[in-house]
Amino acid sequence: MSYIVRELKPTFDRLTQPFAELMRRLGLTPNAITILGLFFVSLGSLMLYYEKNLLAFLFLLTGALCDTLDGGLARQSGKSSEFGAFLDSLTDRVSDALPFVAIALSSEDEMLSFTAMTAVVFSYTVSYARARAEGLGYSLKVGIFERAERWIVLLTGVILDMLMIATMIVAIGSFVTTLQRVYTFRKLTGGE
């Protein structure tokens, strides 16, 4: 588990609890919040494609916040489900890719397009390594650069108009985390 998730998530959950409670009172389901988050990330990615960075930042941030609230709402309302967990993981993968694809497609800079697509690939290998290990009965929650870190770097890069640096950091950080997971899984399984 990453530092940010381990150290800051309890505080973040406490601060966002009133929002989750408001959503529960409004009758919104965790799955509806998950889909709403994907919708905002899609809009943010479209704005990123059109190089409207402030709007992109606001929509992407709103989508990321929805993604963090759906789980809190599920726990608070007692509506946690296997389908909800599946839907959340599926939409997370789409949300992880859309902004970087938008950057790659809108850029005339080949290096920026390359680093954005590399960021997508290694973001997926981070997620896939954990999912595959769990499918084989192992827990693999290690790594210095998980989803929270990727989103913080992406959002910072968007608002500061430093997309090259942000995509490079995400690509390298995700690659290192993938290697950490491979190494850890090899140790867990005896390397054979």
Protein backbone atom coordinates (compact mmCIF):
# COMPACT_ATOMS: atom_id res chain seq x y z
CA MET A 1 0.00 0.00 0.00
CA SER A 2 1.38 3.41 -0.96
CA TYR A 3 2.27 6.10 1.53
CA ILE A 4 -0.54 8.40 0.39
CA VAL A 5 -3.18 5.72 0.65
CA ARG A 6 -1.90 4.43 3.99
CA GLU A 7 -1.37 7.81 5.66
CA LEU A 8 -3.92 10.14 4.12
CA LYS A 9 -6.90 7.95 3.21
CA PRO A 10 -8.32 7.78 6.76
CA THR A 11 -8.23 11.58 7.01
CA PHE A 12 -9.70 11.98 3.52
CA ASP A 13 -12.48 9.49 4.33
CA ARG A 14 -13.32 11.43 7.50
CA LEU A 15 -13.42 14.74 5.59
CA THR A 16 -15.59 13.37 2.78
CA GLN A 17 -18.01 11.49 5.03
CA PRO A 18 -20.51 14.40 5.06
CA PHE A 19 -20.59 14.34 1.24
CA ALA A 20 -21.19 10.59 1.24
CA GLU A 21 -23.98 11.12 3.77
CA LEU A 22 -25.54 13.83 1.58
CA MET A 23 -25.44 11.51 -1.43
CA ARG A 24 -27.05 8.75 0.60
CA ARG A 25 -29.86 11.12 1.66
CA LEU A 26 -30.36 12.17 -1.96
CA GLY A 27 -30.88 8.51 -2.84
CA LEU A 28 -27.77 8.18 -4.99
CA THR A 29 -26.37 4.67 -5.12
CA PRO A 30 -22.65 3.86 -5.04
CA ASN A 31 -22.90 2.52 -8.61
CA ALA A 32 -24.50 5.78 -9.77
CA ILE A 33 -21.58 7.71 -8.23
CA THR A 34 -19.14 5.36 -9.99
CA ILE A 35 -20.78 6.07 -13.37
CA LEU A 36 -20.97 9.79 -12.58
CA GLY A 37 -17.23 9.76 -11.87
CA LEU A 38 -16.54 8.15 -15.25
CA PHE A 39 -18.75 10.76 -16.92
CA PHE A 40 -16.75 13.62 -15.36
CA VAL A 41 -13.42 12.00 -16.24
CA SER A 42 -14.67 11.60 -19.82
CA LEU A 43 -15.61 15.29 -19.97
CA GLY A 44 -12.27 16.23 -18.43
CA SER A 45 -10.44 14.12 -20.99
CA LEU A 46 -12.37 15.78 -23.81
CA MET A 47 -11.39 19.19 -22.42
CA LEU A 48 -7.80 17.97 -22.19
CA TYR A 49 -7.96 16.93 -25.83
CA TYR A 50 -9.10 20.46 -26.74
CA GLU A 51 -6.36 21.90 -24.48
CA LYS A 52 -8.82 23.58 -22.11
CA ASN A 53 -6.69 22.76 -19.09
CA LEU A 54 -8.67 24.60 -16.40
CA LEU A 55 -11.93 22.91 -17.40
CA ALA A 56 -10.07 19.61 -17.80
CA PHE A 57 -8.65 19.97 -14.29
CA LEU A 58 -12.07 20.73 -12.76
CA PHE A 59 -13.85 17.84 -14.50
CA LEU A 60 -11.01 15.37 -13.83
CA LEU A 61 -10.85 16.40 -10.17
CA THR A 62 -14.63 15.99 -9.82
CA GLY A 63 -14.42 12.55 -11.43
CA ALA A 64 -11.57 11.52 -9.13
CA LEU A 65 -13.55 12.71 -6.10
CA CYS A 66 -16.59 10.70 -7.21
CA ASP A 67 -14.32 7.67 -7.48
CA THR A 68 -13.23 8.11 -3.87
CA LEU A 69 -16.75 8.73 -2.61
CA ASP A 70 -18.45 5.68 -4.12
CA GLY A 71 -16.71 3.27 -1.75
CA GLY A 72 -17.48 5.41 1.31
CA LEU A 73 -21.11 5.62 0.25
CA ALA A 74 -21.25 1.84 -0.27
CA ARG A 75 -19.91 1.21 3.24
CA GLN A 76 -22.09 3.89 4.83
CA SER A 77 -25.30 2.75 3.13
CA GLY A 78 -24.58 -0.97 3.46
CA LYS A 79 -24.80 -1.34 -0.32
CA SER A 80 -21.42 -2.94 -0.96
CA SER A 81 -21.71 -5.64 -3.58
CA GLU A 82 -19.55 -7.81 -5.79
CA PHE A 83 -21.05 -6.15 -8.86
CA GLY A 84 -20.26 -2.72 -7.42
CA ALA A 85 -16.65 -3.73 -6.82
CA PHE A 86 -16.43 -5.12 -10.36
CA LEU A 87 -17.99 -1.98 -11.88
CA ASP A 88 -15.67 0.25 -9.84
CA SER A 89 -12.56 -1.61 -10.99
CA LEU A 90 -13.71 -1.60 -14.61
CA THR A 91 -14.48 2.13 -14.67
CA ASP A 92 -11.19 2.83 -12.86
CA ARG A 93 -9.27 1.30 -15.78
CA VAL A 94 -11.19 3.44 -18.29
CA SER A 95 -10.69 6.54 -16.14
CA ASP A 96 -6.98 5.79 -15.85
CA ALA A 97 -6.58 5.66 -19.63
CA LEU A 98 -8.82 8.43 -20.99
CA PRO A 99 -6.79 11.49 -19.91
CA PHE A 100 -3.52 10.04 -21.20
CA VAL A 101 -5.11 8.99 -24.49
CA ALA A 102 -6.48 12.53 -24.85
CA ILE A 103 -3.00 13.96 -24.24
CA ALA A 104 -1.43 11.56 -26.74
CA LEU A 105 -4.01 12.24 -29.47
CA SER A 106 -4.04 16.02 -29.09
CA SER A 107 -0.29 16.57 -28.95
CA GLU A 108 1.85 17.39 -31.95
CA ASP A 109 4.88 16.53 -29.83
CA GLU A 110 5.73 12.90 -30.56
CA MET A 111 7.65 12.52 -27.30
CA LEU A 112 4.67 13.72 -25.26
CA SER A 113 2.40 11.30 -27.14
CA PHE A 114 4.86 8.49 -26.46
CA THR A 115 5.19 9.23 -22.73
CA ALA A 116 1.41 9.55 -22.38
CA MET A 117 0.84 6.14 -23.99
CA THR A 118 3.67 4.63 -21.94
CA ALA A 119 1.97 5.99 -18.82
CA VAL A 120 -1.22 4.15 -19.86
CA VAL A 121 0.63 0.88 -20.44
CA PHE A 122 2.46 0.88 -17.12
CA SER A 123 -0.58 2.13 -15.20
CA TYR A 124 -2.33 -0.97 -16.52
CA THR A 125 0.51 -3.30 -15.60
CA VAL A 126 0.38 -1.98 -12.02
CA SER A 127 -3.35 -2.77 -11.81
CA TYR A 128 -3.09 -6.04 -13.71
CA ALA A 129 -0.25 -7.36 -11.53
CA ARG A 130 -2.37 -6.91 -8.42
CA ALA A 131 -5.53 -8.31 -10.00
CA ARG A 132 -3.73 -11.37 -11.39
CA ALA A 133 -2.03 -12.06 -8.07
CA GLU A 134 -5.37 -11.81 -6.28
CA GLY A 135 -6.87 -14.17 -8.88
CA LEU A 136 -4.17 -16.66 -7.90
CA GLY A 137 -4.96 -16.23 -4.20
CA TYR A 138 -2.23 -13.75 -3.18
CA SER A 139 -2.40 -10.21 -1.83
CA LEU A 140 -0.16 -7.78 -3.70
CA LYS A 141 -0.73 -4.29 -2.32
CA VAL A 142 2.86 -3.07 -2.63
CA GLY A 143 4.31 -0.24 -4.66
CA ILE A 144 5.45 3.33 -4.39
CA PHE A 145 3.27 4.69 -7.18
CA GLU A 146 -0.30 3.48 -7.08
CA ARG A 147 -3.48 5.05 -8.43
CA ALA A 148 -3.66 7.94 -5.95
CA GLU A 149 -0.14 9.05 -6.81
CA ARG A 150 -0.84 8.80 -10.54
CA TRP A 151 -3.91 11.01 -10.23
CA ILE A 152 -2.15 13.59 -8.07
CA VAL A 153 0.69 13.87 -10.60
CA LEU A 154 -1.72 14.00 -13.55
CA LEU A 155 -3.90 16.71 -11.99
CA THR A 156 -0.85 18.74 -11.01
CA GLY A 157 0.52 18.45 -14.55
CA VAL A 158 -2.80 19.56 -16.04
CA ILE A 159 -3.27 22.63 -13.84
CA LEU A 160 0.39 23.71 -14.17
CA ASP A 161 0.47 22.91 -17.91
CA MET A 162 3.40 20.55 -17.37
CA LEU A 163 2.07 17.51 -19.20
CA MET A 164 5.44 16.21 -20.39
CA ILE A 165 6.83 16.09 -16.86
CA ALA A 166 3.61 14.61 -15.48
CA THR A 167 3.41 11.86 -18.09
CA MET A 168 7.07 10.99 -17.60
CA ILE A 169 6.65 10.77 -13.82
CA VAL A 170 3.56 8.58 -14.17
CA ALA A 171 5.24 6.32 -16.72
CA ILE A 172 8.43 5.88 -14.68
CA GLY A 173 6.64 5.60 -11.33
CA SER A 174 4.22 3.01 -12.71
CA PHE A 175 7.08 1.04 -14.28
CA VAL A 176 8.95 0.97 -10.95
CA THR A 177 5.78 -0.12 -9.13
CA THR A 178 5.23 -2.90 -11.67
CA LEU A 179 8.77 -4.12 -11.03
CA GLN A 180 8.15 -3.98 -7.27
CA ARG A 181 5.04 -6.13 -7.71
CA VAL A 182 6.83 -8.65 -9.92
CA TYR A 183 9.66 -8.91 -7.41
CA THR A 184 7.27 -9.27 -4.46
CA PHE A 185 5.15 -11.87 -6.24
CA ARG A 186 8.28 -13.85 -7.13
CA LYS A 187 9.25 -13.87 -3.44
CA LEU A 188 5.72 -14.88 -2.39
CA THR A 189 5.66 -17.81 -4.79
CA GLY A 190 9.23 -18.97 -4.35
CA GLY A 191 10.23 -17.71 -7.78
CA GLU A 192 9.08 -20.74 -9.74
